[in-house]
Amino acid sequence: VHLLDGHDEGPVHAVVAAIRAYERFMCGDMAAAREQADMAIALGRRQD
């Protein structure tokens, strides 16, 4: 996330969101997992 700061949205942003979604899911934080999963879906579609 720090390295991506200031860079235009790209496929790596989508991958980071997907991994953050599962990290939160595996730790039992369902609200944050849902937020990151929605972001991963949206970014994944925009960034192919």
All heavy atoms as atom14 arrays in JSON, in Angstrom:
{
  "sequence": "VHLLDGHDEGPVHAVVAAIRAYERFMCGDMAAAREQADMAIALGRRQD",
  "atom14_mask": [
    [1, 1, 1, 1, 1, 1, 1, 0, 0, 0, 0, 0, 0, 0],
    [1, 1, 1, 1, 1, 1, 1, 1, 1, 1, 0, 0, 0, 0],
    [1, 1, 1, 1, 1, 1, 1, 1, 0, 0, 0, 0, 0, 0],
    [1, 1, 1, 1, 1, 1, 1, 1, 0, 0, 0, 0, 0, 0],
    [1, 1, 1, 1, 1, 1, 1, 1, 0, 0, 0, 0, 0, 0],
    [1, 1, 1, 1, 0, 0, 0, 0, 0, 0, 0, 0, 0, 0],
    [1, 1, 1, 1, 1, 1, 1, 1, 1, 1, 0, 0, 0, 0],
    [1, 1, 1, 1, 1, 1, 1, 1, 0, 0, 0, 0, 0, 0],
    [1, 1, 1, 1, 1, 1, 1, 1, 1, 0, 0, 0, 0, 0],
    [1, 1, 1, 1, 0, 0, 0, 0, 0, 0, 0, 0, 0, 0],
    [1, 1, 1, 1, 1, 1, 1, 0, 0, 0, 0, 0, 0, 0],
    [1, 1, 1, 1, 1, 1, 1, 0, 0, 0, 0, 0, 0, 0],
    [1, 1, 1, 1, 1, 1, 1, 1, 1, 1, 0, 0, 0, 0],
    [1, 1, 1, 1, 1, 0, 0, 0, 0, 0, 0, 0, 0, 0],
    [1, 1, 1, 1, 1, 1, 1, 0, 0, 0, 0, 0, 0, 0],
    [1, 1, 1, 1, 1, 1, 1, 0, 0, 0, 0, 0, 0, 0],
    [1, 1, 1, 1, 1, 0, 0, 0, 0, 0, 0, 0, 0, 0],
    [1, 1, 1, 1, 1, 0, 0, 0, 0, 0, 0, 0, 0, 0],
    [1, 1, 1, 1, 1, 1, 1, 1, 0, 0, 0, 0, 0, 0],
    [1, 1, 1, 1, 1, 1, 1, 1, 1, 1, 1, 0, 0, 0],
    [1, 1, 1, 1, 1, 0, 0, 0, 0, 0, 0, 0, 0, 0],
    [1, 1, 1, 1, 1, 1, 1, 1, 1, 1, 1, 1, 0, 0],
    [1, 1, 1, 1, 1, 1, 1, 1, 1, 0, 0, 0, 0, 0],
    [1, 1, 1, 1, 1, 1, 1, 1, 1, 1, 1, 0, 0, 0],
    [1, 1, 1, 1, 1, 1, 1, 1, 1, 1, 1, 0, 0, 0],
    [1, 1, 1, 1, 1, 1, 1, 1, 0, 0, 0, 0, 0, 0],
    [1, 1, 1, 1, 1, 1, 0, 0, 0, 0, 0, 0, 0, 0],
    [1, 1, 1, 1, 0, 0, 0, 0, 0, 0, 0, 0, 0, 0],
    [1, 1, 1, 1, 1, 1, 1, 1, 0, 0, 0, 0, 0, 0],
    [1, 1, 1, 1, 1, 1, 1, 1, 0, 0, 0, 0, 0, 0],
    [1, 1, 1, 1, 1, 0, 0, 0, 0, 0, 0, 0, 0, 0],
    [1, 1, 1, 1, 1, 0, 0, 0, 0, 0, 0, 0, 0, 0],
    [1, 1, 1, 1, 1, 0, 0, 0, 0, 0, 0, 0, 0, 0],
    [1, 1, 1, 1, 1, 1, 1, 1, 1, 1, 1, 0, 0, 0],
    [1, 1, 1, 1, 1, 1, 1, 1, 1, 0, 0, 0, 0, 0],
    [1, 1, 1, 1, 1, 1, 1, 1, 1, 0, 0, 0, 0, 0],
    [1, 1, 1, 1, 1, 0, 0, 0, 0, 0, 0, 0, 0, 0],
    [1, 1, 1, 1, 1, 1, 1, 1, 0, 0, 0, 0, 0, 0],
    [1, 1, 1, 1, 1, 1, 1, 1, 0, 0, 0, 0, 0, 0],
    [1, 1, 1, 1, 1, 0, 0, 0, 0, 0, 0, 0, 0, 0],
    [1, 1, 1, 1, 1, 1, 1, 1, 0, 0, 0, 0, 0, 0],
    [1, 1, 1, 1, 1, 0, 0, 0, 0, 0, 0, 0, 0, 0],
    [1, 1, 1, 1, 1, 1, 1, 1, 0, 0, 0, 0, 0, 0],
    [1, 1, 1, 1, 0, 0, 0, 0, 0, 0, 0, 0, 0, 0],
    [1, 1, 1, 1, 1, 1, 1, 1, 1, 1, 1, 0, 0, 0],
    [1, 1, 1, 1, 1, 1, 1, 1, 1, 1, 1, 0, 0, 0],
    [1, 1, 1, 1, 1, 1, 1, 1, 1, 0, 0, 0, 0, 0],
    [1, 1, 1, 1, 1, 1, 1, 1, 0, 0, 0, 0, 0, 0]
  ],
  "atom14_positions": [
    [[0.84, -1.21, 0.0], [0.0, 0.0, 0.0], [0.87, 1.25, 0.0], [0.6, 2.22, -0.72], [-0.95, -0.01, 1.21], [-1.66, 1.34, 1.35], [-1.98, -1.13, 1.07], [0.0, 0.0, 0.0], [0.0, 0.0, 0.0], [0.0, 0.0, 0.0], [0.0, 0.0, 0.0], [0.0, 0.0, 0.0], [0.0, 0.0, 0.0], [0.0, 0.0, 0.0]],
    [[1.93, 1.24, 0.81], [2.84, 2.4, 0.87], [3.49, 2.64, -0.49], [3.6, 3.79, -0.95], [3.91, 2.15, 1.94], [4.95, 3.22, 2.0], [4.7, 4.48, 2.52], [6.26, 3.23, 1.6], [5.79, 5.22, 2.44], [6.75, 4.48, 1.88], [0.0, 0.0, 0.0], [0.0, 0.0, 0.0], [0.0, 0.0, 0.0], [0.0, 0.0, 0.0]],
    [[3.93, 1.56, -1.16], [4.59, 1.71, -2.45], [3.62, 2.2, -3.54], [4.03, 2.88, -4.49], [5.21, 0.37, -2.88], [6.45, -0.05, -2.09], [6.73, -1.54, -2.29], [7.66, 0.78, -2.53], [0.0, 0.0, 0.0], [0.0, 0.0, 0.0], [0.0, 0.0, 0.0], [0.0, 0.0, 0.0], [0.0, 0.0, 0.0], [0.0, 0.0, 0.0]],
    [[2.35, 1.86, -3.39], [1.35, 2.27, -4.4], [0.85, 3.69, -4.18], [0.16, 4.24, -5.05], [0.16, 1.3, -4.38], [0.43, -0.11, -4.91], [-0.78, -1.0, -4.66], [0.77, -0.08, -6.4], [0.0, 0.0, 0.0], [0.0, 0.0, 0.0], [0.0, 0.0, 0.0], [0.0, 0.0, 0.0], [0.0, 0.0, 0.0], [0.0, 0.0, 0.0]],
    [[1.18, 4.28, -3.04], [0.7, 5.62, -2.71], [1.16, 6.61, -3.78], [2.34, 6.71, -4.09], [1.23, 6.03, -1.34], [0.63, 7.36, -0.88], [-0.54, 7.61, -1.21], [1.33, 8.13, -0.2], [0.0, 0.0, 0.0], [0.0, 0.0, 0.0], [0.0, 0.0, 0.0], [0.0, 0.0, 0.0], [0.0, 0.0, 0.0], [0.0, 0.0, 0.0]],
    [[0.2, 7.34, -4.34], [0.52, 8.34, -5.36], [0.51, 7.8, -6.77], [0.68, 8.58, -7.73], [0.0, 0.0, 0.0], [0.0, 0.0, 0.0], [0.0, 0.0, 0.0], [0.0, 0.0, 0.0], [0.0, 0.0, 0.0], [0.0, 0.0, 0.0], [0.0, 0.0, 0.0], [0.0, 0.0, 0.0], [0.0, 0.0, 0.0], [0.0, 0.0, 0.0]],
    [[0.33, 6.5, -6.95], [0.31, 5.92, -8.29], [-1.14, 5.72, -8.75], [-2.04, 5.49, -7.95], [1.03, 4.57, -8.31], [2.52, 4.7, -8.15], [3.37, 4.89, -9.22], [3.3, 4.68, -7.04], [4.61, 4.97, -8.78], [4.6, 4.85, -7.46], [0.0, 0.0, 0.0], [0.0, 0.0, 0.0], [0.0, 0.0, 0.0], [0.0, 0.0, 0.0]],
    [[-1.35, 5.8, -10.05], [-2.68, 5.6, -10.6], [-3.16, 4.18, -10.33], [-2.37, 3.24, -10.23], [-2.68, 5.86, -12.11], [-2.43, 7.32, -12.45], [-2.66, 8.17, -11.56], [-1.99, 7.6, -13.58], [0.0, 0.0, 0.0], [0.0, 0.0, 0.0], [0.0, 0.0, 0.0], [0.0, 0.0, 0.0], [0.0, 0.0, 0.0], [0.0, 0.0, 0.0]],
    [[-4.47, 4.05, -10.25], [-5.08, 2.73, -10.02], [-4.65, 1.75, -11.11], [-4.63, 2.08, -12.29], [-6.6, 2.88, -10.01], [-7.36, 1.59, -9.87], [-8.84, 1.8, -10.1], [-9.49, 2.46, -9.25], [-9.36, 1.31, -11.13], [0.0, 0.0, 0.0], [0.0, 0.0, 0.0], [0.0, 0.0, 0.0], [0.0, 0.0, 0.0], [0.0, 0.0, 0.0]],
    [[-4.31, 0.52, -10.67], [-3.89, -0.51, -11.62], [-4.22, -1.89, -11.1], [-4.82, -2.05, -10.02], [0.0, 0.0, 0.0], [0.0, 0.0, 0.0], [0.0, 0.0, 0.0], [0.0, 0.0, 0.0], [0.0, 0.0, 0.0], [0.0, 0.0, 0.0], [0.0, 0.0, 0.0], [0.0, 0.0, 0.0], [0.0, 0.0, 0.0], [0.0, 0.0, 0.0]],
    [[-3.84, -2.95, -11.82], [-4.15, -4.32, -11.41], [-3.61, -4.68, -10.03], [-4.23, -5.47, -9.31], [-3.49, -5.18, -12.49], [-3.41, -4.29, -13.7], [-3.17, -2.92, -13.14], [0.0, 0.0, 0.0], [0.0, 0.0, 0.0], [0.0, 0.0, 0.0], [0.0, 0.0, 0.0], [0.0, 0.0, 0.0], [0.0, 0.0, 0.0], [0.0, 0.0, 0.0]],
    [[-2.46, -4.1, -9.65], [-1.89, -4.44, -8.34], [-2.81, -3.97, -7.22], [-2.94, -4.63, -6.18], [-0.49, -3.82, -8.18], [0.1, -4.18, -6.82], [0.43, -4.32, -9.29], [0.0, 0.0, 0.0], [0.0, 0.0, 0.0], [0.0, 0.0, 0.0], [0.0, 0.0, 0.0], [0.0, 0.0, 0.0], [0.0, 0.0, 0.0], [0.0, 0.0, 0.0]],
    [[-3.48, -2.83, -7.41], [-4.44, -2.35, -6.4], [-5.55, -3.39, -6.19], [-5.98, -3.63, -5.06], [-5.07, -1.02, -6.84], [-4.12, 0.14, -6.85], [-3.23, 0.36, -7.86], [-3.95, 1.16, -5.94], [-2.53, 1.45, -7.61], [-2.95, 1.97, -6.44], [0.0, 0.0, 0.0], [0.0, 0.0, 0.0], [0.0, 0.0, 0.0], [0.0, 0.0, 0.0]],
    [[-5.99, -4.01, -7.28], [-7.05, -5.02, -7.18], [-6.56, -6.25, -6.42], [-7.27, -6.8, -5.56], [-7.52, -5.42, -8.58], [0.0, 0.0, 0.0], [0.0, 0.0, 0.0], [0.0, 0.0, 0.0], [0.0, 0.0, 0.0], [0.0, 0.0, 0.0], [0.0, 0.0, 0.0], [0.0, 0.0, 0.0], [0.0, 0.0, 0.0], [0.0, 0.0, 0.0]],
    [[-5.33, -6.68, -6.71], [-4.77, -7.86, -6.03], [-4.6, -7.58, -4.54], [-4.93, -8.44, -3.69], [-3.42, -8.25, -6.67], [-2.74, -9.34, -5.86], [-3.63, -8.71, -8.11], [0.0, 0.0, 0.0], [0.0, 0.0, 0.0], [0.0, 0.0, 0.0], [0.0, 0.0, 0.0], [0.0, 0.0, 0.0], [0.0, 0.0, 0.0], [0.0, 0.0, 0.0]],
    [[-4.13, -6.39, -4.19], [-3.96, -6.04, -2.77], [-5.3, -6.07, -2.05], [-5.42, -6.6, -0.94], [-3.28, -4.66, -2.64], [-3.35, -4.16, -1.19], [-1.83, -4.73, -3.1], [0.0, 0.0, 0.0], [0.0, 0.0, 0.0], [0.0, 0.0, 0.0], [0.0, 0.0, 0.0], [0.0, 0.0, 0.0], [0.0, 0.0, 0.0], [0.0, 0.0, 0.0]],
    [[-6.34, -5.53, -2.68], [-7.67, -5.54, -2.05], [-8.17, -6.96, -1.84], [-8.76, -7.29, -0.8], [-8.66, -4.76, -2.92], [0.0, 0.0, 0.0], [0.0, 0.0, 0.0], [0.0, 0.0, 0.0], [0.0, 0.0, 0.0], [0.0, 0.0, 0.0], [0.0, 0.0, 0.0], [0.0, 0.0, 0.0], [0.0, 0.0, 0.0], [0.0, 0.0, 0.0]],
    [[-7.93, -7.85, -2.81], [-8.37, -9.24, -2.69], [-7.67, -9.94, -1.52], [-8.3, -10.66, -0.74], [-8.11, -9.99, -4.0], [0.0, 0.0, 0.0], [0.0, 0.0, 0.0], [0.0, 0.0, 0.0], [0.0, 0.0, 0.0], [0.0, 0.0, 0.0], [0.0, 0.0, 0.0], [0.0, 0.0, 0.0], [0.0, 0.0, 0.0], [0.0, 0.0, 0.0]],
    [[-6.36, -9.71, -1.4], [-5.62, -10.36, -0.31], [-6.04, -9.79, 1.04], [-6.19, -10.54, 2.03], [-4.1, -10.19, -0.53], [-3.68, -10.85, -1.85], [-3.31, -10.81, 0.63], [-2.28, -10.51, -2.28], [0.0, 0.0, 0.0], [0.0, 0.0, 0.0], [0.0, 0.0, 0.0], [0.0, 0.0, 0.0], [0.0, 0.0, 0.0], [0.0, 0.0, 0.0]],
    [[-6.26, -8.48, 1.1], [-6.73, -7.87, 2.36], [-8.1, -8.41, 2.74], [-8.4, -8.61, 3.92], [-6.78, -6.35, 2.21], [-5.41, -5.71, 2.07], [-5.48, -4.2, 1.92], [-5.58, -3.53, 3.19], [-5.56, -2.2, 3.34], [-5.45, -1.43, 2.27], [-5.64, -1.66, 4.52], [0.0, 0.0, 0.0], [0.0, 0.0, 0.0], [0.0, 0.0, 0.0]],
    [[-8.95, -8.68, 1.74], [-10.28, -9.23, 2.03], [-10.15, -10.58, 2.73], [-10.83, -10.85, 3.73], [-11.09, -9.38, 0.74], [0.0, 0.0, 0.0], [0.0, 0.0, 0.0], [0.0, 0.0, 0.0], [0.0, 0.0, 0.0], [0.0, 0.0, 0.0], [0.0, 0.0, 0.0], [0.0, 0.0, 0.0], [0.0, 0.0, 0.0], [0.0, 0.0, 0.0]],
    [[-9.27, -11.44, 2.21], [-9.14, -12.77, 2.82], [-8.38, -12.74, 4.13], [-8.66, -13.54, 5.03], [-8.5, -13.76, 1.84], [-9.54, -14.73, 1.34], [-10.27, -14.45, 0.19], [-9.86, -15.87, 2.06], [-11.26, -15.3, -0.24], [-10.85, -16.73, 1.64], [-11.55, -16.45, 0.49], [-12.55, -17.29, 0.08], [0.0, 0.0, 0.0], [0.0, 0.0, 0.0]],
    [[-7.46, -11.81, 4.29], [-6.78, -11.67, 5.59], [-7.79, -11.32, 6.67], [-7.79, -11.89, 7.75], [-5.68, -10.61, 5.49], [-4.87, -10.42, 6.77], [-5.51, -9.44, 7.74], [-6.1, -8.45, 7.27], [-5.42, -9.68, 8.97], [0.0, 0.0, 0.0], [0.0, 0.0, 0.0], [0.0, 0.0, 0.0], [0.0, 0.0, 0.0], [0.0, 0.0, 0.0]],
    [[-8.69, -10.39, 6.35], [-9.72, -10.0, 7.33], [-10.72, -11.15, 7.54], [-11.17, -11.38, 8.66], [-10.46, -8.76, 6.84], [-9.65, -7.46, 6.88], [-9.38, -6.99, 8.32], [-8.27, -7.7, 8.94], [-8.08, -7.8, 10.26], [-8.95, -7.25, 11.09], [-7.05, -8.44, 10.76], [0.0, 0.0, 0.0], [0.0, 0.0, 0.0], [0.0, 0.0, 0.0]],
    [[-11.06, -11.85, 6.48], [-11.99, -12.98, 6.59], [-11.42, -14.06, 7.5], [-12.1, -14.58, 8.39], [-12.26, -13.54, 5.19], [-13.1, -14.8, 5.19], [-14.47, -14.75, 5.41], [-12.52, -16.04, 4.97], [-15.23, -15.9, 5.41], [-13.27, -17.19, 4.96], [-14.64, -17.13, 5.18], [0.0, 0.0, 0.0], [0.0, 0.0, 0.0], [0.0, 0.0, 0.0]],
    [[-10.15, -14.41, 7.3], [-9.52, -15.46, 8.1], [-9.37, -15.07, 9.56], [-9.3, -15.94, 10.43], [-8.16, -15.83, 7.5], [-8.27, -16.54, 6.16], [-6.67, -16.77, 5.35], [-5.87, -17.9, 6.49], [0.0, 0.0, 0.0], [0.0, 0.0, 0.0], [0.0, 0.0, 0.0], [0.0, 0.0, 0.0], [0.0, 0.0, 0.0], [0.0, 0.0, 0.0]],
    [[-9.33, -13.77, 9.82], [-9.2, -13.3, 11.2], [-10.56, -13.03, 11.84], [-10.62, -12.63, 13.0], [-8.33, -12.05, 11.25], [-6.59, -12.36, 10.87], [0.0, 0.0, 0.0], [0.0, 0.0, 0.0], [0.0, 0.0, 0.0], [0.0, 0.0, 0.0], [0.0, 0.0, 0.0], [0.0, 0.0, 0.0], [0.0, 0.0, 0.0], [0.0, 0.0, 0.0]],
    [[-11.65, -13.21, 11.1], [-12.98, -13.07, 11.69], [-13.55, -11.67, 11.67], [-14.58, -11.41, 12.29], [0.0, 0.0, 0.0], [0.0, 0.0, 0.0], [0.0, 0.0, 0.0], [0.0, 0.0, 0.0], [0.0, 0.0, 0.0], [0.0, 0.0, 0.0], [0.0, 0.0, 0.0], [0.0, 0.0, 0.0], [0.0, 0.0, 0.0], [0.0, 0.0, 0.0]],
    [[-12.92, -10.73, 10.95], [-13.41, -9.35, 10.86], [-14.27, -9.25, 9.6], [-13.82, -8.83, 8.53], [-12.23, -8.38, 10.8], [-12.66, -6.92, 10.8], [-13.87, -6.65, 10.73], [-11.76, -6.05, 10.87], [0.0, 0.0, 0.0], [0.0, 0.0, 0.0], [0.0, 0.0, 0.0], [0.0, 0.0, 0.0], [0.0, 0.0, 0.0], [0.0, 0.0, 0.0]],
    [[-15.55, -9.62, 9.72], [-16.4, -9.75, 8.55], [-16.74, -8.42, 7.89], [-16.85, -8.33, 6.67], [-17.69, -10.49, 8.91], [-17.49, -11.93, 9.33], [-16.76, -12.96, 8.02], [-15.11, -13.22, 8.68], [0.0, 0.0, 0.0], [0.0, 0.0, 0.0], [0.0, 0.0, 0.0], [0.0, 0.0, 0.0], [0.0, 0.0, 0.0], [0.0, 0.0, 0.0]],
    [[-16.9, -7.36, 8.68], [-17.24, -6.05, 8.11], [-16.12, -5.55, 7.21], [-16.34, -5.13, 6.06], [-17.54, -5.04, 9.21], [0.0, 0.0, 0.0], [0.0, 0.0, 0.0], [0.0, 0.0, 0.0], [0.0, 0.0, 0.0], [0.0, 0.0, 0.0], [0.0, 0.0, 0.0], [0.0, 0.0, 0.0], [0.0, 0.0, 0.0], [0.0, 0.0, 0.0]],
    [[-14.89, -5.6, 7.71], [-13.74, -5.16, 6.9], [-13.53, -6.09, 5.72], [-13.16, -5.65, 4.62], [-12.49, -5.1, 7.77], [0.0, 0.0, 0.0], [0.0, 0.0, 0.0], [0.0, 0.0, 0.0], [0.0, 0.0, 0.0], [0.0, 0.0, 0.0], [0.0, 0.0, 0.0], [0.0, 0.0, 0.0], [0.0, 0.0, 0.0], [0.0, 0.0, 0.0]],
    [[-13.76, -7.39, 5.91], [-13.6, -8.35, 4.81], [-14.58, -8.04, 3.69], [-14.23, -8.06, 2.5], [-13.79, -9.77, 5.32], [0.0, 0.0, 0.0], [0.0, 0.0, 0.0], [0.0, 0.0, 0.0], [0.0, 0.0, 0.0], [0.0, 0.0, 0.0], [0.0, 0.0, 0.0], [0.0, 0.0, 0.0], [0.0, 0.0, 0.0], [0.0, 0.0, 0.0]],
    [[-15.82, -7.73, 4.05], [-16.83, -7.4, 3.05], [-16.42, -6.14, 2.28], [-16.53, -6.08, 1.05], [-18.18, -7.17, 3.74], [-19.27, -6.65, 2.86], [-19.93, -7.73, 2.04], [-20.84, -8.53, 2.83], [-21.52, -9.57, 2.35], [-21.36, -9.92, 1.09], [-22.34, -10.26, 3.13], [0.0, 0.0, 0.0], [0.0, 0.0, 0.0], [0.0, 0.0, 0.0]],
    [[-15.94, -5.12, 3.0], [-15.53, -3.87, 2.35], [-14.41, -4.12, 1.35], [-14.44, -3.62, 0.21], [-15.08, -2.87, 3.43], [-14.6, -1.55, 2.88], [-14.06, -0.63, 3.98], [-14.27, -0.95, 5.18], [-13.45, 0.39, 3.64], [0.0, 0.0, 0.0], [0.0, 0.0, 0.0], [0.0, 0.0, 0.0], [0.0, 0.0, 0.0], [0.0, 0.0, 0.0]],
    [[-13.39, -4.89, 1.76], [-12.26, -5.15, 0.88], [-12.67, -6.06, -0.29], [-12.16, -5.9, -1.41], [-11.11, -5.79, 1.67], [-10.46, -4.86, 2.68], [-9.76, -3.68, 2.01], [-9.17, -3.81, 0.93], [-9.84, -2.52, 2.64], [0.0, 0.0, 0.0], [0.0, 0.0, 0.0], [0.0, 0.0, 0.0], [0.0, 0.0, 0.0], [0.0, 0.0, 0.0]],
    [[-13.58, -7.01, -0.03], [-14.03, -7.89, -1.11], [-14.78, -7.1, -2.18], [-14.57, -7.31, -3.39], [-14.92, -9.0, -0.54], [0.0, 0.0, 0.0], [0.0, 0.0, 0.0], [0.0, 0.0, 0.0], [0.0, 0.0, 0.0], [0.0, 0.0, 0.0], [0.0, 0.0, 0.0], [0.0, 0.0, 0.0], [0.0, 0.0, 0.0], [0.0, 0.0, 0.0]],
    [[-15.65, -6.18, -1.76], [-16.36, -5.33, -2.71], [-15.37, -4.5, -3.53], [-15.53, -4.32, -4.75], [-17.33, -4.4, -1.98], [-18.54, -5.14, -1.42], [-18.83, -6.26, -1.88], [-19.19, -4.59, -0.5], [0.0, 0.0, 0.0], [0.0, 0.0, 0.0], [0.0, 0.0, 0.0], [0.0, 0.0, 0.0], [0.0, 0.0, 0.0], [0.0, 0.0, 0.0]],
    [[-14.32, -4.0, -2.86], [-13.31, -3.21, -3.55], [-12.55, -4.08, -4.56], [-12.27, -3.65, -5.69], [-12.33, -2.61, -2.53], [-11.35, -1.62, -3.14], [-10.2, -0.96, -1.89], [-11.37, -0.23, -0.72], [0.0, 0.0, 0.0], [0.0, 0.0, 0.0], [0.0, 0.0, 0.0], [0.0, 0.0, 0.0], [0.0, 0.0, 0.0], [0.0, 0.0, 0.0]],
    [[-12.23, -5.32, -4.15], [-11.5, -6.22, -5.06], [-12.34, -6.53, -6.3], [-11.8, -6.57, -7.43], [-11.16, -7.52, -4.33], [0.0, 0.0, 0.0], [0.0, 0.0, 0.0], [0.0, 0.0, 0.0], [0.0, 0.0, 0.0], [0.0, 0.0, 0.0], [0.0, 0.0, 0.0], [0.0, 0.0, 0.0], [0.0, 0.0, 0.0], [0.0, 0.0, 0.0]],
    [[-13.64, -6.72, -6.12], [-14.52, -7.0, -7.27], [-14.56, -5.81, -8.22], [-14.39, -5.96, -9.44], [-15.94, -7.36, -6.78], [-15.92, -8.66, -5.97], [-16.9, -7.46, -7.95], [-17.22, -8.94, -5.22], [0.0, 0.0, 0.0], [0.0, 0.0, 0.0], [0.0, 0.0, 0.0], [0.0, 0.0, 0.0], [0.0, 0.0, 0.0], [0.0, 0.0, 0.0]],
    [[-14.75, -4.62, -7.65], [-14.85, -3.43, -8.49], [-13.53, -3.15, -9.21], [-13.5, -2.9, -10.43], [-15.26, -2.23, -7.63], [0.0, 0.0, 0.0], [0.0, 0.0, 0.0], [0.0, 0.0, 0.0], [0.0, 0.0, 0.0], [0.0, 0.0, 0.0], [0.0, 0.0, 0.0], [0.0, 0.0, 0.0], [0.0, 0.0, 0.0], [0.0, 0.0, 0.0]],
    [[-12.43, -3.19, -8.47], [-11.12, -2.95, -9.08], [-10.78, -4.03, -10.1], [-10.2, -3.76, -11.16], [-10.04, -2.89, -8.0], [-10.04, -1.64, -7.11], [-9.1, -1.84, -5.92], [-9.61, -0.42, -7.91], [0.0, 0.0, 0.0], [0.0, 0.0, 0.0], [0.0, 0.0, 0.0], [0.0, 0.0, 0.0], [0.0, 0.0, 0.0], [0.0, 0.0, 0.0]],
    [[-11.11, -5.29, -9.76], [-10.8, -6.39, -10.67], [-11.51, -6.22, -12.0], [-10.93, -6.49, -13.07], [0.0, 0.0, 0.0], [0.0, 0.0, 0.0], [0.0, 0.0, 0.0], [0.0, 0.0, 0.0], [0.0, 0.0, 0.0], [0.0, 0.0, 0.0], [0.0, 0.0, 0.0], [0.0, 0.0, 0.0], [0.0, 0.0, 0.0], [0.0, 0.0, 0.0]],
    [[-12.75, -5.77, -11.96], [-13.5, -5.57, -13.21], [-12.92, -4.4, -14.01], [-12.79, -4.49, -15.24], [-14.97, -5.33, -12.9], [-15.68, -6.6, -12.44], [-17.08, -6.33, -11.92], [-17.75, -7.57, -11.57], [-18.88, -7.64, -10.85], [-19.47, -6.52, -10.43], [-19.42, -8.81, -10.57], [0.0, 0.0, 0.0], [0.0, 0.0, 0.0], [0.0, 0.0, 0.0]],
    [[-12.57, -3.32, -13.31], [-12.03, -2.15, -14.03], [-10.64, -2.42, -14.59], [-10.3, -1.92, -15.67], [-11.98, -0.94, -13.09], [-13.33, -0.36, -12.75], [-13.2, 1.09, -12.28], [-12.44, 1.21, -11.05], [-12.97, 1.21, -9.81], [-14.27, 1.05, -9.67], [-12.21, 1.35, -8.75], [0.0, 0.0, 0.0], [0.0, 0.0, 0.0], [0.0, 0.0, 0.0]],
    [[-9.86, -3.21, -13.86], [-8.46, -3.43, -14.26], [-8.24, -4.77, -14.96], [-7.1, -5.18, -15.17], [-7.55, -3.34, -13.02], [-7.56, -1.98, -12.36], [-7.07, -0.89, -13.3], [-6.18, -1.11, -14.14], [-7.67, 0.3, -13.18], [0.0, 0.0, 0.0], [0.0, 0.0, 0.0], [0.0, 0.0, 0.0], [0.0, 0.0, 0.0], [0.0, 0.0, 0.0]],
    [[-9.33, -5.46, -15.28], [-9.26, -6.74, -15.99], [-8.4, -7.75, -15.21], [-7.58, -8.48, -15.8], [-8.69, -6.54, -17.4], [-8.94, -7.76, -18.29], [-9.91, -8.5, -18.01], [-8.16, -7.98, -19.23], [0.0, 0.0, 0.0], [0.0, 0.0, 0.0], [0.0, 0.0, 0.0], [0.0, 0.0, 0.0], [0.0, 0.0, 0.0], [0.0, 0.0, 0.0]]
  ]
}
